[in-house]
Amino acid sequence: MKTIIFIEDNEDIRELYSLMMTRFGHKVVSFENYKQSEDYLKNNYADLIITDYYLPGTNGDGVVAMARQHEQTCPVICLTGAPEDVKPGLYDAVLAKPIGAEALELSIEMYTSGLVAA
């Protein structure tokens, strides 16, 4: 079981994708915003971080910087409705919302199993 940090400000989307990832067999710790996730990541390890790009108070780039500041070396996937706004090269992957369960599960498996180097 892998621990996935999921940061998404839209409650319906957060609940839907969290449920999907839990059904894939992962421990999902979800957060509404950057600050909540930072408090958790200071003291807990993640196998994967999945973040929305546009978040209150920051964007996904800020999440990546904060995660690295707290020595999180895991892959980071940006899951967004605006993939064209995301800077190339900062994330391990950029996935467009909406994403189906099979595509999400495959992406998680690729980045948590070592099939793709982080």
N, C-alpha and C. Protein backbone atom coordinates (compact mmCIF):
# COMPACT_ATOMS: atom_id res chain seq x y z
N MET A 1 0.85 -1.18 0.00
CA MET A 1 0.00 0.00 0.00
C MET A 1 0.89 1.23 0.00
N LYS A 2 0.67 2.11 -0.95
CA LYS A 2 1.43 3.35 -1.07
C LYS A 2 0.64 4.50 -0.44
N THR A 3 1.37 5.47 0.09
CA THR A 3 0.74 6.66 0.66
C THR A 3 0.76 7.77 -0.39
N ILE A 4 -0.43 8.23 -0.74
CA ILE A 4 -0.58 9.29 -1.74
C ILE A 4 -1.14 10.53 -1.06
N ILE A 5 -0.46 11.65 -1.26
CA ILE A 5 -0.96 12.94 -0.80
C ILE A 5 -1.70 13.55 -1.97
N PHE A 6 -2.94 13.93 -1.75
CA PHE A 6 -3.77 14.49 -2.81
C PHE A 6 -4.25 15.87 -2.38
N ILE A 7 -3.89 16.89 -3.16
CA ILE A 7 -4.23 18.27 -2.83
C ILE A 7 -5.15 18.81 -3.93
N GLU A 8 -6.38 19.11 -3.53
CA GLU A 8 -7.42 19.56 -4.47
C GLU A 8 -8.41 20.43 -3.71
N ASP A 9 -8.64 21.65 -4.19
CA ASP A 9 -9.51 22.56 -3.46
C ASP A 9 -11.00 22.31 -3.69
N ASN A 10 -11.36 21.65 -4.79
CA ASN A 10 -12.76 21.36 -5.06
C ASN A 10 -13.17 20.10 -4.30
N GLU A 11 -14.09 20.25 -3.36
CA GLU A 11 -14.46 19.14 -2.48
C GLU A 11 -14.99 17.93 -3.24
N ASP A 12 -15.85 18.14 -4.23
CA ASP A 12 -16.42 17.01 -4.97
C ASP A 12 -15.33 16.23 -5.71
N ILE A 13 -14.43 16.95 -6.36
CA ILE A 13 -13.34 16.30 -7.08
C ILE A 13 -12.42 15.59 -6.10
N ARG A 14 -12.10 16.25 -4.99
CA ARG A 14 -11.22 15.66 -3.98
C ARG A 14 -11.81 14.34 -3.47
N GLU A 15 -13.08 14.34 -3.17
CA GLU A 15 -13.72 13.12 -2.66
C GLU A 15 -13.77 12.02 -3.71
N LEU A 16 -14.09 12.37 -4.95
CA LEU A 16 -14.18 11.38 -6.02
C LEU A 16 -12.84 10.70 -6.28
N TYR A 17 -11.80 11.49 -6.48
CA TYR A 17 -10.49 10.91 -6.78
C TYR A 17 -9.88 10.21 -5.57
N SER A 18 -10.14 10.73 -4.38
CA SER A 18 -9.66 10.05 -3.17
C SER A 18 -10.28 8.66 -3.06
N LEU A 19 -11.57 8.58 -3.33
CA LEU A 19 -12.26 7.29 -3.29
C LEU A 19 -11.68 6.33 -4.34
N MET A 20 -11.44 6.83 -5.54
CA MET A 20 -10.87 5.98 -6.58
C MET A 20 -9.51 5.44 -6.14
N MET A 21 -8.65 6.32 -5.64
CA MET A 21 -7.30 5.88 -5.25
C MET A 21 -7.34 4.91 -4.08
N THR A 22 -8.29 5.10 -3.17
CA THR A 22 -8.45 4.17 -2.06
C THR A 22 -8.88 2.80 -2.59
N ARG A 23 -9.76 2.81 -3.56
CA ARG A 23 -10.20 1.53 -4.16
C ARG A 23 -9.08 0.85 -4.92
N PHE A 24 -8.09 1.61 -5.38
CA PHE A 24 -6.92 1.00 -6.02
C PHE A 24 -6.02 0.33 -4.99
N GLY A 25 -6.29 0.56 -3.69
CA GLY A 25 -5.52 -0.07 -2.63
C GLY A 25 -4.49 0.83 -1.98
N HIS A 26 -4.61 2.13 -2.17
CA HIS A 26 -3.64 3.06 -1.60
C HIS A 26 -4.20 3.79 -0.38
N LYS A 27 -3.31 4.23 0.47
CA LYS A 27 -3.68 5.12 1.57
C LYS A 27 -3.65 6.53 0.98
N VAL A 28 -4.77 7.21 1.05
CA VAL A 28 -4.88 8.56 0.49
C VAL A 28 -5.09 9.55 1.62
N VAL A 29 -4.23 10.54 1.67
CA VAL A 29 -4.37 11.62 2.63
C VAL A 29 -4.66 12.87 1.79
N SER A 30 -5.86 13.37 1.89
CA SER A 30 -6.25 14.48 1.01
C SER A 30 -6.36 15.79 1.78
N PHE A 31 -6.07 16.86 1.05
CA PHE A 31 -6.08 18.20 1.62
C PHE A 31 -6.74 19.17 0.67
N GLU A 32 -7.35 20.18 1.27
CA GLU A 32 -8.04 21.21 0.51
C GLU A 32 -7.09 22.28 0.01
N ASN A 33 -5.98 22.47 0.73
CA ASN A 33 -5.09 23.57 0.36
C ASN A 33 -3.63 23.26 0.70
N TYR A 34 -2.80 24.15 0.25
CA TYR A 34 -1.35 24.06 0.41
C TYR A 34 -0.95 23.99 1.88
N LYS A 35 -1.49 24.87 2.71
CA LYS A 35 -1.10 24.96 4.11
C LYS A 35 -1.37 23.65 4.85
N GLN A 36 -2.55 23.07 4.64
CA GLN A 36 -2.86 21.80 5.29
C GLN A 36 -1.87 20.71 4.88
N SER A 37 -1.54 20.68 3.61
CA SER A 37 -0.61 19.65 3.14
C SER A 37 0.79 19.88 3.69
N GLU A 38 1.19 21.14 3.83
CA GLU A 38 2.51 21.43 4.38
C GLU A 38 2.62 20.95 5.81
N ASP A 39 1.61 21.19 6.61
CA ASP A 39 1.62 20.74 8.00
C ASP A 39 1.83 19.22 8.06
N TYR A 40 1.21 18.49 7.15
CA TYR A 40 1.35 17.03 7.12
C TYR A 40 2.73 16.62 6.61
N LEU A 41 3.18 17.21 5.52
CA LEU A 41 4.42 16.79 4.88
C LEU A 41 5.68 17.12 5.68
N LYS A 42 5.56 18.01 6.65
CA LYS A 42 6.71 18.31 7.51
C LYS A 42 7.16 17.08 8.28
N ASN A 43 6.22 16.20 8.63
CA ASN A 43 6.51 15.09 9.53
C ASN A 43 6.13 13.71 8.99
N ASN A 44 5.67 13.63 7.75
CA ASN A 44 5.21 12.36 7.21
C ASN A 44 5.76 12.15 5.81
N TYR A 45 6.04 10.91 5.48
CA TYR A 45 6.57 10.55 4.17
C TYR A 45 5.43 10.25 3.20
N ALA A 46 5.64 10.61 1.95
CA ALA A 46 4.69 10.28 0.89
C ALA A 46 5.39 9.46 -0.19
N ASP A 47 4.66 8.53 -0.78
CA ASP A 47 5.18 7.79 -1.94
C ASP A 47 4.89 8.53 -3.23
N LEU A 48 3.86 9.38 -3.21
CA LEU A 48 3.46 10.13 -4.39
C LEU A 48 2.64 11.33 -3.93
N ILE A 49 2.83 12.46 -4.60
CA ILE A 49 2.00 13.64 -4.36
C ILE A 49 1.27 13.94 -5.66
N ILE A 50 -0.04 14.10 -5.55
CA ILE A 50 -0.86 14.51 -6.69
C ILE A 50 -1.51 15.83 -6.30
N THR A 51 -1.29 16.86 -7.10
CA THR A 51 -1.82 18.17 -6.76
C THR A 51 -2.53 18.81 -7.94
N ASP A 52 -3.57 19.56 -7.62
CA ASP A 52 -4.19 20.43 -8.60
C ASP A 52 -3.21 21.55 -8.89
N TYR A 53 -3.35 22.21 -10.02
CA TYR A 53 -2.44 23.31 -10.32
C TYR A 53 -2.89 24.60 -9.64
N TYR A 54 -4.15 24.95 -9.80
CA TYR A 54 -4.65 26.20 -9.20
C TYR A 54 -5.23 25.91 -7.83
N LEU A 55 -4.59 26.47 -6.81
CA LEU A 55 -5.01 26.28 -5.43
C LEU A 55 -5.09 27.63 -4.74
N PRO A 56 -5.92 27.76 -3.71
CA PRO A 56 -5.98 29.02 -2.96
C PRO A 56 -4.62 29.35 -2.34
N GLY A 57 -4.12 30.54 -2.62
CA GLY A 57 -2.88 31.00 -2.01
C GLY A 57 -1.60 30.61 -2.73
N THR A 58 -1.67 29.69 -3.66
CA THR A 58 -0.48 29.27 -4.41
C THR A 58 -0.94 28.48 -5.62
N ASN A 59 0.00 27.85 -6.28
CA ASN A 59 -0.35 26.90 -7.33
C ASN A 59 0.49 25.64 -7.11
N GLY A 60 0.35 24.70 -8.01
CA GLY A 60 1.08 23.44 -7.85
C GLY A 60 2.58 23.62 -7.79
N ASP A 61 3.11 24.67 -8.42
CA ASP A 61 4.55 24.93 -8.36
C ASP A 61 4.99 25.16 -6.91
N GLY A 62 4.16 25.87 -6.16
CA GLY A 62 4.44 26.11 -4.74
C GLY A 62 4.41 24.82 -3.94
N VAL A 63 3.52 23.91 -4.33
CA VAL A 63 3.45 22.60 -3.65
C VAL A 63 4.75 21.83 -3.88
N VAL A 64 5.24 21.83 -5.12
CA VAL A 64 6.49 21.13 -5.42
C VAL A 64 7.64 21.72 -4.60
N ALA A 65 7.75 23.04 -4.58
CA ALA A 65 8.82 23.70 -3.83
C ALA A 65 8.74 23.37 -2.35
N MET A 66 7.54 23.41 -1.80
CA MET A 66 7.35 23.11 -0.38
C MET A 66 7.70 21.65 -0.09
N ALA A 67 7.28 20.74 -0.94
CA ALA A 67 7.57 19.32 -0.73
C ALA A 67 9.08 19.07 -0.73
N ARG A 68 9.78 19.69 -1.65
CA ARG A 68 11.24 19.52 -1.72
C ARG A 68 11.91 20.17 -0.50
N GLN A 69 11.38 21.28 -0.04
CA GLN A 69 11.92 21.93 1.15
C GLN A 69 11.83 21.01 2.36
N HIS A 70 10.78 20.19 2.40
CA HIS A 70 10.60 19.25 3.51
C HIS A 70 11.14 17.86 3.18
N GLU A 71 12.06 17.82 2.23
CA GLU A 71 12.81 16.62 1.87
C GLU A 71 11.94 15.47 1.35
N GLN A 72 10.84 15.81 0.73
CA GLN A 72 10.02 14.81 0.05
C GLN A 72 10.64 14.58 -1.33
N THR A 73 11.07 13.37 -1.58
CA THR A 73 11.74 13.06 -2.85
C THR A 73 10.85 12.27 -3.80
N CYS A 74 9.61 12.08 -3.42
CA CYS A 74 8.69 11.28 -4.22
C CYS A 74 8.30 12.01 -5.51
N PRO A 75 7.75 11.28 -6.47
CA PRO A 75 7.24 11.92 -7.67
C PRO A 75 6.06 12.83 -7.34
N VAL A 76 5.88 13.84 -8.20
CA VAL A 76 4.74 14.76 -8.07
C VAL A 76 4.02 14.81 -9.41
N ILE A 77 2.73 14.54 -9.35
CA ILE A 77 1.87 14.60 -10.54
C ILE A 77 0.95 15.80 -10.39
N CYS A 78 0.85 16.58 -11.45
CA CYS A 78 -0.10 17.68 -11.48
C CYS A 78 -1.35 17.20 -12.22
N LEU A 79 -2.48 17.24 -11.54
CA LEU A 79 -3.77 16.83 -12.11
C LEU A 79 -4.60 18.10 -12.23
N THR A 80 -4.83 18.57 -13.46
CA THR A 80 -5.40 19.89 -13.64
C THR A 80 -6.35 19.97 -14.83
N GLY A 81 -7.26 20.91 -14.73
CA GLY A 81 -8.16 21.21 -15.84
C GLY A 81 -7.52 22.15 -16.85
N ALA A 82 -6.33 22.65 -16.54
CA ALA A 82 -5.64 23.60 -17.42
C ALA A 82 -4.19 23.16 -17.65
N PRO A 83 -3.98 22.01 -18.29
CA PRO A 83 -2.61 21.52 -18.47
C PRO A 83 -1.73 22.48 -19.27
N GLU A 84 -2.33 23.30 -20.10
CA GLU A 84 -1.56 24.24 -20.91
C GLU A 84 -0.91 25.33 -20.06
N ASP A 85 -1.37 25.53 -18.83
CA ASP A 85 -0.81 26.55 -17.94
C ASP A 85 0.38 26.05 -17.12
N VAL A 86 0.64 24.76 -17.15
CA VAL A 86 1.67 24.15 -16.30
C VAL A 86 3.04 24.26 -16.96
N LYS A 87 4.03 24.66 -16.15
CA LYS A 87 5.41 24.77 -16.64
C LYS A 87 5.96 23.39 -16.97
N PRO A 88 6.53 23.23 -18.15
CA PRO A 88 7.12 21.93 -18.50
C PRO A 88 8.34 21.63 -17.63
N GLY A 89 8.46 20.36 -17.25
CA GLY A 89 9.66 19.90 -16.56
C GLY A 89 9.63 19.95 -15.05
N LEU A 90 8.70 20.66 -14.45
CA LEU A 90 8.67 20.76 -12.99
C LEU A 90 8.04 19.52 -12.34
N TYR A 91 7.10 18.93 -13.03
CA TYR A 91 6.35 17.78 -12.50
C TYR A 91 6.83 16.50 -13.19
N ASP A 92 6.64 15.40 -12.50
CA ASP A 92 6.95 14.11 -13.12
C ASP A 92 5.94 13.77 -14.21
N ALA A 93 4.71 14.24 -14.02
CA ALA A 93 3.67 14.06 -15.03
C ALA A 93 2.63 15.14 -14.86
N VAL A 94 1.96 15.48 -15.96
CA VAL A 94 0.83 16.40 -15.93
C VAL A 94 -0.34 15.66 -16.56
N LEU A 95 -1.41 15.51 -15.80
CA LEU A 95 -2.60 14.80 -16.26
C LEU A 95 -3.76 15.77 -16.33
N ALA A 96 -4.54 15.68 -17.40
CA ALA A 96 -5.68 16.58 -17.59
C ALA A 96 -6.93 16.00 -16.93
N LYS A 97 -7.64 16.89 -16.21
CA LYS A 97 -8.95 16.52 -15.65
C LYS A 97 -10.00 16.80 -16.73
N PRO A 98 -11.01 15.99 -16.81
CA PRO A 98 -11.23 14.78 -16.00
C PRO A 98 -10.37 13.63 -16.52
N ILE A 99 -10.02 12.74 -15.62
CA ILE A 99 -9.25 11.56 -15.98
C ILE A 99 -10.02 10.34 -15.50
N GLY A 100 -10.04 9.32 -16.32
CA GLY A 100 -10.74 8.09 -15.97
C GLY A 100 -9.97 7.27 -14.94
N ALA A 101 -10.68 6.36 -14.32
CA ALA A 101 -10.08 5.54 -13.27
C ALA A 101 -8.90 4.71 -13.78
N GLU A 102 -9.03 4.12 -14.95
CA GLU A 102 -7.94 3.28 -15.46
C GLU A 102 -6.69 4.09 -15.74
N ALA A 103 -6.83 5.25 -16.33
CA ALA A 103 -5.66 6.10 -16.63
C ALA A 103 -5.01 6.59 -15.34
N LEU A 104 -5.82 6.95 -14.36
CA LEU A 104 -5.28 7.39 -13.07
C LEU A 104 -4.54 6.25 -12.39
N GLU A 105 -5.14 5.09 -12.37
CA GLU A 105 -4.50 3.93 -11.73
C GLU A 105 -3.18 3.58 -12.41
N LEU A 106 -3.15 3.62 -13.73
CA LEU A 106 -1.92 3.33 -14.47
C LEU A 106 -0.84 4.35 -14.15
N SER A 107 -1.19 5.61 -14.09
CA SER A 107 -0.21 6.66 -13.78
C SER A 107 0.35 6.47 -12.38
N ILE A 108 -0.52 6.19 -11.42
CA ILE A 108 -0.06 5.96 -10.05
C ILE A 108 0.87 4.77 -10.00
N GLU A 109 0.50 3.70 -10.66
CA GLU A 109 1.33 2.49 -10.66
C GLU A 109 2.70 2.78 -11.29
N MET A 110 2.72 3.51 -12.38
CA MET A 110 3.98 3.81 -13.05
C MET A 110 4.93 4.58 -12.13
N TYR A 111 4.40 5.55 -11.39
CA TYR A 111 5.25 6.42 -10.59
C TYR A 111 5.52 5.90 -9.17
N THR A 112 4.77 4.92 -8.73
CA THR A 112 5.04 4.37 -7.39
C THR A 112 5.79 3.03 -7.46
N SER A 113 5.87 2.44 -8.61
CA SER A 113 6.52 1.13 -8.72
C SER A 113 7.93 1.21 -9.26
N GLY A 114 8.34 2.39 -9.67
CA GLY A 114 9.67 2.53 -10.25
C GLY A 114 9.72 2.28 -11.74
N LEU A 115 8.56 2.08 -12.38
CA LEU A 115 8.55 1.90 -13.82
C LEU A 115 8.99 3.16 -14.55
N VAL A 116 8.76 4.30 -13.92
CA VAL A 116 9.20 5.58 -14.44
C VAL A 116 10.06 6.22 -13.37
N ALA A 117 11.24 6.64 -13.74
CA ALA A 117 12.14 7.26 -12.77
C ALA A 117 11.63 8.63 -12.38
N ALA A 118 11.63 8.90 -11.09
CA ALA A 118 11.17 10.21 -10.60
C ALA A 118 12.27 11.24 -10.79
